[in-house]
Amino acid sequence: QRSLQGASDILRDADNKIKFMREALLSIPESSQDLSDDINALDAKLRALQDKMFGDRVYGQLDLMSPPSIRARLFNAIYSGYSSTSDPTTTMKEQLKIASEEYVEALATLKSIVSNDVANIERKLEAAGAPYTPGRMPEYKRN
């Protein structure tokens, strides 16, 4: 549960960075379509990961069935046992096992996105002379 909350915060931070990246891209005199496409692809990856980890909000708003998210599996297993003095049920154990397996994969994907995709776009923004964006280490070139 603690790790999932940390991943949620990292996803929120990455989503926030995308907003600033889009704004910075508008400030580049000769902005690149490739860079815009990279930002859009990053956004799509993060949205898909958010849906997997926390559920698709659109499905929920439309009251449509969607596969259970990692968070839903985890919380259903945990909170189903709070009011019980008996051992966890087979269903609870199975839900925790599935959530754990899916989370290991999702966390690896998140780490890859942050380490590779976000960092790559930040390097491209820096090279293009974009204004500072939160979390991006500026470079200084002495003349």
Protein backbone atom coordinates (compact mmCIF):
# COMPACT_ATOMS: atom_id res chain seq x y z
CA GLN A 1 0.00 0.00 0.00
CA ARG A 2 2.89 2.35 0.85
CA SER A 3 4.66 1.61 -2.41
CA LEU A 4 1.47 2.10 -4.42
CA GLN A 5 0.98 5.52 -2.81
CA GLY A 6 4.55 6.48 -3.70
CA ALA A 7 4.00 5.37 -7.30
CA SER A 8 0.82 7.44 -7.37
CA ASP A 9 2.78 10.52 -6.32
CA ILE A 10 5.42 9.89 -8.98
CA LEU A 11 2.71 9.50 -11.63
CA ARG A 12 1.16 12.80 -10.50
CA ASP A 13 4.56 14.51 -10.68
CA ALA A 14 5.19 13.12 -14.18
CA ASP A 15 1.75 14.27 -15.30
CA ASN A 16 2.53 17.73 -13.93
CA LYS A 17 5.85 17.76 -15.81
CA ILE A 18 3.99 17.06 -19.06
CA LYS A 19 1.94 20.22 -18.57
CA PHE A 20 5.10 22.28 -18.15
CA MET A 21 6.77 20.53 -21.08
CA ARG A 22 3.86 21.46 -23.34
CA GLU A 23 4.10 25.09 -22.21
CA ALA A 24 7.86 25.15 -22.71
CA LEU A 25 7.45 23.69 -26.19
CA LEU A 26 5.26 26.66 -27.13
CA SER A 27 8.10 29.00 -26.18
CA ILE A 28 10.63 27.46 -28.53
CA PRO A 29 10.87 29.54 -31.72
CA GLU A 30 11.32 26.55 -34.00
CA SER A 31 9.57 23.85 -32.03
CA SER A 32 9.79 20.37 -33.40
CA GLN A 33 6.82 18.18 -34.28
CA ASP A 34 8.95 15.24 -33.17
CA LEU A 35 9.26 16.72 -29.69
CA SER A 36 5.52 17.34 -29.57
CA ASP A 37 4.93 13.74 -30.65
CA ASP A 38 7.32 12.53 -27.93
CA ILE A 39 5.37 14.48 -25.29
CA ASN A 40 2.06 13.08 -26.58
CA ALA A 41 3.46 9.53 -26.54
CA LEU A 42 4.70 10.04 -22.97
CA ASP A 43 1.28 11.31 -21.96
CA ALA A 44 -0.39 8.24 -23.51
CA LYS A 45 2.00 5.87 -21.68
CA LEU A 46 1.31 7.56 -18.36
CA ARG A 47 -2.46 7.49 -18.90
CA ALA A 48 -2.38 3.76 -19.71
CA LEU A 49 -0.30 3.09 -16.60
CA GLN A 50 -2.63 5.18 -14.44
CA ASP A 51 -5.61 3.22 -15.77
CA LYS A 52 -3.90 -0.08 -14.98
CA MET A 53 -2.91 0.99 -11.48
CA PHE A 54 -5.96 3.01 -10.42
CA GLY A 55 -8.74 2.26 -12.91
CA ASP A 56 -10.13 4.09 -15.90
CA ARG A 57 -12.00 7.17 -14.65
CA VAL A 58 -14.01 7.47 -17.84
CA TYR A 59 -15.35 3.93 -17.46
CA GLY A 60 -16.31 4.71 -13.89
CA GLN A 61 -18.07 7.94 -14.85
CA LEU A 62 -20.02 6.12 -17.55
CA ASP A 63 -20.81 3.30 -15.12
CA LEU A 64 -19.20 0.73 -17.43
CA MET A 65 -17.45 -2.42 -16.32
CA SER A 66 -13.68 -2.38 -16.59
CA PRO A 67 -11.00 -4.80 -15.42
CA PRO A 68 -10.15 -4.34 -11.74
CA SER A 69 -7.20 -2.05 -11.16
CA ILE A 70 -4.22 -2.95 -9.02
CA ARG A 71 -5.45 -0.54 -6.36
CA ALA A 72 -8.96 -2.01 -6.39
CA ARG A 73 -7.62 -5.54 -5.94
CA LEU A 74 -5.34 -4.46 -3.11
CA PHE A 75 -7.92 -2.43 -1.22
CA ASN A 76 -10.68 -5.02 -1.65
CA ALA A 77 -8.44 -7.71 -0.20
CA ILE A 78 -7.23 -5.54 2.69
CA TYR A 79 -10.50 -3.92 3.71
CA SER A 80 -12.58 -7.07 3.36
CA GLY A 81 -10.61 -8.52 6.24
CA TYR A 82 -10.84 -5.56 8.61
CA SER A 83 -14.19 -6.50 10.10
CA SER A 84 -13.39 -10.19 10.29
CA THR A 85 -11.57 -12.18 12.93
CA SER A 86 -11.12 -15.20 10.67
CA ASP A 87 -8.18 -15.95 8.42
CA PRO A 88 -8.02 -14.31 4.99
CA THR A 89 -10.16 -16.06 2.42
CA THR A 90 -8.81 -17.76 -0.67
CA THR A 91 -10.26 -14.93 -2.75
CA MET A 92 -8.46 -12.31 -0.65
CA LYS A 93 -5.18 -14.17 -1.00
CA GLU A 94 -5.68 -14.54 -4.75
CA GLN A 95 -6.49 -10.84 -5.16
CA LEU A 96 -3.32 -9.88 -3.28
CA LYS A 97 -1.26 -12.27 -5.39
CA ILE A 98 -2.66 -10.86 -8.66
CA ALA A 99 -2.23 -7.27 -7.44
CA SER A 100 1.36 -7.98 -6.43
CA GLU A 101 2.24 -9.56 -9.79
CA GLU A 102 0.63 -6.73 -11.74
CA TYR A 103 2.22 -4.08 -9.52
CA VAL A 104 5.75 -5.43 -10.00
CA GLU A 105 5.27 -5.04 -13.77
CA ALA A 106 3.63 -1.60 -13.45
CA LEU A 107 6.35 -0.29 -11.15
CA ALA A 108 9.06 -1.43 -13.57
CA THR A 109 7.20 0.36 -16.37
CA LEU A 110 6.92 3.52 -14.29
CA LYS A 111 10.63 3.47 -13.48
CA SER A 112 11.46 3.04 -17.16
CA ILE A 113 9.17 5.88 -18.21
CA VAL A 114 10.62 8.29 -15.65
CA SER A 115 14.24 7.25 -16.20
CA ASN A 116 14.12 7.06 -19.98
CA ASP A 117 11.16 8.81 -21.58
CA VAL A 118 10.86 11.82 -19.26
CA ALA A 119 14.63 12.26 -19.11
CA ASN A 120 14.92 12.01 -22.91
CA ILE A 121 12.30 14.71 -23.47
CA GLU A 122 13.93 16.93 -20.84
CA ARG A 123 17.28 16.60 -22.66
CA LYS A 124 15.62 17.52 -25.96
CA LEU A 125 13.92 20.53 -24.39
CA GLU A 126 17.23 21.68 -22.92
CA ALA A 127 18.99 21.24 -26.27
CA ALA A 128 16.25 23.23 -28.00
CA GLY A 129 16.68 26.12 -25.56
CA ALA A 130 13.28 25.71 -23.91
CA PRO A 131 12.52 27.62 -20.72
CA TYR A 132 13.10 25.81 -17.45
CA THR A 133 10.57 23.13 -16.47
CA PRO A 134 10.23 21.78 -12.91
CA GLY A 135 12.58 18.93 -12.15
CA ARG A 136 14.76 19.46 -15.21
CA MET A 137 18.40 20.11 -14.44
CA PRO A 138 19.52 23.16 -16.44
CA GLU A 139 22.80 23.12 -18.31
CA TYR A 140 25.21 26.01 -18.47
CA LYS A 141 27.59 26.55 -21.34
CA ARG A 142 30.38 29.01 -20.71
CA ASN A 143 31.31 31.21 -23.60
